[in-house]
Protein backbone atom coordinates (compact mmCIF):
# COMPACT_ATOMS: atom_id res chain seq x y z
CA UNK A 1 113.29 86.13 90.98
CA UNK A 2 113.25 83.30 93.72
CA UNK A 3 110.77 83.48 96.66
CA UNK A 4 112.98 82.35 99.84
CA UNK A 5 112.15 82.18 103.50
CA UNK A 6 113.74 85.30 104.08
CA UNK A 7 112.99 87.34 100.48
CA UNK A 8 109.90 87.81 98.17
CA UNK A 9 109.66 89.75 95.12
CA UNK A 10 106.94 92.07 94.12
CA UNK A 11 105.16 89.86 91.84
CA UNK A 12 104.60 87.57 94.87
CA UNK A 13 103.46 90.54 97.18
CA UNK A 14 100.90 91.89 94.74
CA UNK A 15 99.44 88.24 94.47
CA UNK A 16 99.33 87.91 98.02
CA UNK A 17 99.01 91.57 99.09
CA UNK A 18 94.85 91.13 99.97
CA UNK A 19 95.75 87.97 101.67
CA UNK A 20 94.20 88.04 105.60
CA UNK A 21 96.98 86.58 106.94
CA UNK A 22 99.71 88.91 105.35
CA UNK A 23 100.69 92.59 107.17
CA UNK A 24 102.73 94.82 105.04
CA UNK A 25 105.26 97.01 106.74
CA UNK A 26 107.47 100.04 105.89
CA UNK A 27 110.41 100.61 108.00
CA UNK A 28 112.29 103.21 106.20
CA UNK A 29 114.71 105.16 108.30
CA UNK A 30 116.87 107.36 107.28
CA UNK A 31 120.44 108.75 108.82
CA UNK A 32 120.37 111.94 110.74
CA UNK A 33 122.63 113.53 108.11
CA UNK A 34 120.14 113.15 105.67
CA UNK A 35 117.42 115.29 107.26
CA UNK A 36 114.83 113.28 105.72
CA UNK A 37 111.25 112.03 107.62
CA UNK A 38 110.56 108.71 106.94
CA UNK A 39 106.85 108.76 108.63
CA UNK A 40 106.21 111.82 106.50
CA UNK A 41 107.20 110.35 103.08
CA UNK A 42 105.14 107.32 104.35
CA UNK A 43 102.08 109.14 104.55
CA UNK A 44 102.66 110.55 100.85
CA UNK A 45 103.16 107.16 99.42
CA UNK A 46 103.28 103.71 100.68
CA UNK A 47 102.17 100.18 99.48
CA UNK A 48 98.89 99.73 99.76
CA UNK A 49 97.57 98.50 103.65
CA UNK A 50 101.28 98.69 105.08
CA UNK A 51 101.82 99.72 108.51
CA UNK A 52 104.88 102.30 109.46
CA UNK A 53 107.32 100.53 111.98
CA UNK A 54 109.27 103.70 113.45
CA UNK A 55 112.55 102.38 114.31
CA UNK A 56 113.65 105.15 116.65
CA UNK A 57 110.17 104.77 118.50
CA UNK A 58 109.89 100.99 118.91
CA UNK A 59 113.16 101.02 120.92
CA UNK A 60 115.05 100.89 124.27
CA UNK A 61 113.90 104.81 125.70
CA UNK A 62 116.16 104.01 128.72
CA UNK A 63 119.02 103.72 126.85
CA UNK A 64 121.42 106.65 125.80
CA UNK A 65 122.43 104.65 122.17
CA UNK A 66 120.32 104.97 119.36
CA UNK A 67 117.37 102.90 118.49
CA UNK A 68 118.38 100.00 120.93
CA UNK A 69 116.37 96.99 120.85
CA UNK A 70 113.39 97.38 123.34
CA UNK A 71 112.21 94.57 126.04
CA UNK A 72 110.01 92.15 125.24
CA UNK A 73 106.55 94.29 126.76
CA UNK A 74 107.31 96.92 125.09
CA UNK A 75 107.87 95.61 121.27
CA UNK A 76 104.58 93.39 121.72
CA UNK A 77 102.92 96.71 122.86
CA UNK A 78 103.79 98.47 119.71
CA UNK A 79 103.41 96.08 117.19
CA UNK A 80 100.23 94.95 118.48
CA UNK A 81 98.63 98.56 118.12
CA UNK A 82 99.85 98.17 114.28
CA UNK A 83 97.67 95.19 113.90
CA UNK A 84 100.67 92.52 113.84
CA UNK A 85 100.40 89.25 115.58
CA UNK A 86 100.72 86.23 115.78
CA UNK A 87 99.97 83.49 112.84
CA UNK A 88 100.69 86.54 109.99
CA UNK A 89 103.27 86.42 107.35
CA UNK A 90 104.83 89.94 108.13
CA UNK A 91 106.87 91.27 104.95
CA UNK A 92 108.51 94.31 105.63
CA UNK A 93 110.48 97.08 102.89
CA UNK A 94 112.04 100.66 103.07
CA UNK A 95 111.66 103.17 100.35
CA UNK A 96 115.03 102.68 99.63
CA UNK A 97 115.61 99.24 98.38
CA UNK A 98 117.42 97.40 100.88
CA UNK A 99 118.37 99.35 104.30
CA UNK A 100 116.68 99.79 107.31
CA UNK A 101 114.19 96.90 106.30
CA UNK A 102 116.61 94.19 107.49
CA UNK A 103 116.64 95.73 110.84
CA UNK A 104 113.39 95.29 111.16
CA UNK A 105 113.39 91.96 109.95
CA UNK A 106 116.21 91.31 112.47
CA UNK A 107 113.84 92.97 115.26
CA UNK A 108 110.53 90.59 114.78
CA UNK A 109 113.22 87.66 114.64
CA UNK A 110 114.87 88.35 117.88
CA UNK A 111 111.36 88.37 119.03
CA UNK A 112 110.67 85.13 118.13
CA UNK A 113 108.87 85.54 114.60
CA UNK A 114 109.46 82.76 112.33
CA UNK A 115 107.13 83.98 109.28
CA UNK A 116 109.20 87.50 108.41
CA UNK A 117 110.34 88.26 104.83
CA UNK A 118 111.75 91.41 103.06
CA UNK A 119 110.51 92.69 100.04
CA UNK A 120 113.75 92.20 97.67
CA UNK A 121 114.16 95.68 96.08
CA UNK A 122 111.66 97.38 98.58
CA UNK A 123 109.31 100.36 97.35
CA UNK A 124 111.92 101.21 94.31
CA UNK A 125 111.38 97.72 92.73
CA UNK A 126 107.11 98.24 93.86
CA UNK A 127 107.30 101.37 91.91
CA UNK A 128 109.16 100.37 89.23
CA UNK A 129 106.61 97.94 88.25
CA UNK A 130 104.06 100.50 88.42
CA UNK A 131 102.08 98.92 90.88
CA UNK A 132 99.13 101.05 93.14
CA UNK A 133 100.50 103.11 95.87
CA UNK A 134 98.34 104.85 98.92
CA UNK A 135 98.95 107.71 101.38
CA UNK A 136 97.62 108.97 104.35
CA UNK A 137 97.91 106.22 107.72
CA UNK A 138 96.90 102.72 108.05
CA UNK A 139 94.80 101.19 111.09
CA UNK A 140 94.41 97.62 111.64
CA UNK A 141 92.80 95.82 114.21
CA UNK A 142 94.86 95.08 117.11
CA UNK A 143 96.17 91.66 117.48
CA UNK A 144 98.26 89.81 119.89
CA UNK A 145 102.08 89.39 119.30
CA UNK A 146 103.80 87.08 122.01
CA UNK A 147 107.54 87.94 122.01
CA UNK A 148 109.93 84.94 122.80
CA UNK A 149 113.22 86.36 122.82
CA UNK A 150 116.23 84.53 121.08
CA UNK A 151 118.94 85.81 122.80
CA UNK A 152 121.20 83.97 120.35
CA UNK A 153 120.92 86.98 117.84
CA UNK A 154 121.43 89.50 120.33
CA UNK A 155 125.09 90.62 121.27
CA UNK A 156 126.29 92.94 123.90
CA UNK A 157 129.40 95.49 124.85
CA UNK A 158 130.40 92.85 127.25
CA UNK A 159 130.08 89.86 124.82
CA UNK A 160 132.46 91.67 122.25
CA UNK A 161 135.00 92.56 125.20
CA UNK A 162 135.26 88.67 125.65
CA UNK A 163 135.37 88.13 121.90
CA UNK A 164 138.41 90.28 121.23
CA UNK A 165 139.97 88.45 124.29
CA UNK A 166 139.65 84.73 123.06
CA UNK A 167 139.17 85.24 119.13
CA UNK A 168 136.56 82.44 119.50
CA UNK A 169 134.01 84.44 117.27
CA UNK A 170 134.67 86.69 114.54
CA UNK A 171 133.60 90.16 114.24
CA UNK A 172 132.20 90.96 110.76
CA UNK A 173 131.36 95.15 110.23
CA UNK A 174 129.17 96.49 107.67
CA UNK A 175 130.49 100.08 107.85
CA UNK A 176 132.03 101.53 104.16
CA UNK A 177 135.95 100.76 104.08
CA UNK A 178 137.24 104.18 104.81
CA UNK A 179 135.31 104.20 108.51
CA UNK A 180 136.25 100.61 108.87
CA UNK A 181 139.76 101.73 108.45
CA UNK A 182 139.69 105.28 110.46
CA UNK A 183 140.19 107.19 107.25
CA UNK A 184 136.91 108.68 107.39
CA UNK A 185 134.96 110.49 110.32
CA UNK A 186 132.22 109.23 111.50
CA UNK A 187 128.64 110.79 110.96
CA UNK A 188 127.87 110.73 114.90
CA UNK A 189 130.09 113.19 116.87
CA UNK A 190 132.13 112.32 119.64
CA UNK A 191 132.97 108.82 118.23
CA UNK A 192 136.51 107.74 117.53
CA UNK A 193 137.78 106.44 114.16
CA UNK A 194 138.79 102.72 113.45
CA UNK A 195 136.92 99.54 114.33
CA UNK A 196 136.95 96.67 117.03
CA UNK A 197 140.17 94.76 117.33
CA UNK A 198 140.20 91.84 115.19
CA UNK A 199 137.06 92.67 113.11
CA UNK A 200 136.91 91.93 109.08
CA UNK A 201 135.19 94.37 107.09
CA UNK A 202 132.11 93.36 104.60
CA UNK A 203 130.61 97.00 103.45
CA UNK A 204 126.50 96.26 103.20
CA UNK A 205 126.75 97.46 99.80
CA UNK A 206 128.66 94.78 98.43
CA UNK A 207 126.24 92.25 99.08
CA UNK A 208 123.57 94.38 96.93
CA UNK A 209 122.92 94.27 93.19
CA UNK A 210 122.50 98.07 91.93
CA UNK A 211 118.91 97.77 92.12
CA UNK A 212 119.34 97.09 96.01
CA UNK A 213 118.39 93.43 95.85
CA UNK A 214 120.20 91.07 97.53
CA UNK A 215 122.95 89.26 95.62
CA UNK A 216 122.82 85.66 94.79
CA UNK A 217 123.72 82.95 97.17
CA UNK A 218 127.25 82.21 95.54
CA UNK A 219 128.42 85.94 94.98
CA UNK A 220 127.17 86.51 98.91
CA UNK A 221 129.84 83.57 99.73
CA UNK A 222 132.35 85.00 97.69
CA UNK A 223 132.16 88.58 99.08
CA UNK A 224 132.59 87.12 102.71
CA UNK A 225 135.30 84.65 101.94
CA UNK A 226 137.18 86.99 100.06
CA UNK A 227 136.95 89.71 103.58
CA UNK A 228 138.53 86.53 105.11
CA UNK A 229 135.35 85.60 107.07
CA UNK A 230 135.55 81.65 107.97
CA UNK A 231 131.90 80.88 106.79
CA UNK A 232 131.61 77.44 109.40
CA UNK A 233 132.67 79.67 112.46
CA UNK A 234 130.74 81.80 114.84
CA UNK A 235 130.05 85.39 113.77
CA UNK A 236 128.68 88.46 115.33
CA UNK A 237 127.62 91.46 112.91
CA UNK A 238 128.34 95.19 113.91
CA UNK A 239 128.20 98.35 111.81
CA UNK A 240 127.38 102.29 112.94
CA UNK A 241 124.28 101.76 114.94
CA UNK A 242 122.91 98.44 114.43
CA UNK A 243 120.86 98.92 111.09
CA UNK A 244 123.28 97.98 108.64
CA UNK A 245 124.73 95.19 110.30
CA UNK A 246 121.29 93.17 109.83
CA UNK A 247 121.91 93.01 106.30
CA UNK A 248 125.01 91.33 107.12
CA UNK A 249 122.99 89.14 109.38
CA UNK A 250 120.12 88.37 106.63
CA UNK A 251 123.16 87.79 104.19
CA UNK A 252 124.39 85.02 106.59
CA UNK A 253 121.12 83.28 107.12
CA UNK A 254 120.77 83.11 103.41
CA UNK A 255 124.07 80.83 103.51
CA UNK A 256 122.56 79.12 106.02
CA UNK A 257 124.31 80.50 108.98
CA UNK A 258 121.23 80.95 111.14
CA UNK A 259 121.43 82.74 114.67
CA UNK A 260 124.40 85.22 113.88
CA UNK A 261 124.54 87.30 116.56
CA UNK A 262 124.44 91.25 115.99
CA UNK A 263 125.92 93.73 118.30
CA UNK A 264 123.39 96.21 119.04
CA UNK A 265 125.02 98.86 120.22
CA UNK A 266 127.53 98.68 117.30
CA UNK A 267 130.40 101.25 116.83
CA UNK A 268 127.88 104.17 118.14
CA UNK A 269 128.90 102.29 121.28
CA UNK A 270 132.30 101.01 121.10
CA UNK A 271 133.66 104.32 119.40
CA UNK A 272 132.46 106.57 122.44
CA UNK A 273 134.01 104.31 125.03
CA UNK A 274 137.82 105.50 125.70
CA UNK A 275 138.27 102.56 127.74
CA UNK A 276 137.82 100.25 124.87
CA UNK A 277 140.54 99.07 122.47
CA UNK A 278 140.26 100.12 118.68
CA UNK A 279 142.38 99.16 115.67
CA UNK A 280 142.80 101.34 112.60
CA UNK A 281 143.90 100.79 109.19
CA UNK A 282 142.19 97.03 107.10
CA UNK A 283 141.77 94.05 108.65
CA UNK A 284 144.45 91.98 109.55
């Protein structure tokens, strides 16, 4: 399998696992409804040397929205204590294959880390190759991390309101079609059903192969264009709470669309506010 700027396969990671400039990050996270403990699962088995990145902990604790992007100081402090710093190659994976790892890839990219990549297929691919696993915590020496926020990659609710009014930027929603259309309830209580006016729907699963690796560039292009997305225009990705939107952002970057914005509050914010308009049914 190819190695790109954004993706490496298990063969590459196996070869470079002990390289002094490579740091491996387990970014596993699960929906609350799944009642799984990603940290406990990490302690039971993880790729040797991997540190655990807690998405809920490394977030804006002042926000009432889940796992919002923290400020530069908090992010730098947290990742420094994990032993992640400037000049390293950061390789991120999750226990599902491709789910929450893309969110952490996006977070590092927002914070100015250019040499950050995803393990395509994640832990399942590593285990499929019968490569070694470790247990217990990993303690790395602290390193300095310089956060330089790329604001082109982050959008807030005011930005989305403006987008719905001027129509100059496309919103692409990663949720399942039934949730996008308003036919299925949201997993979080208190949210309305439907989608942001004018949004297009690209369920994140349509961008993945059966083994949870990212599909080829030509296939990714077809998925977006068939959903009515103009790949030559400005794009903002969204989802339920800012996790799977990052898979869309990853796919767009593979297509050469760098710095696509991600609406961090996503539907958890938009769907909870009665003052914001919604639409139901397929994209118009």
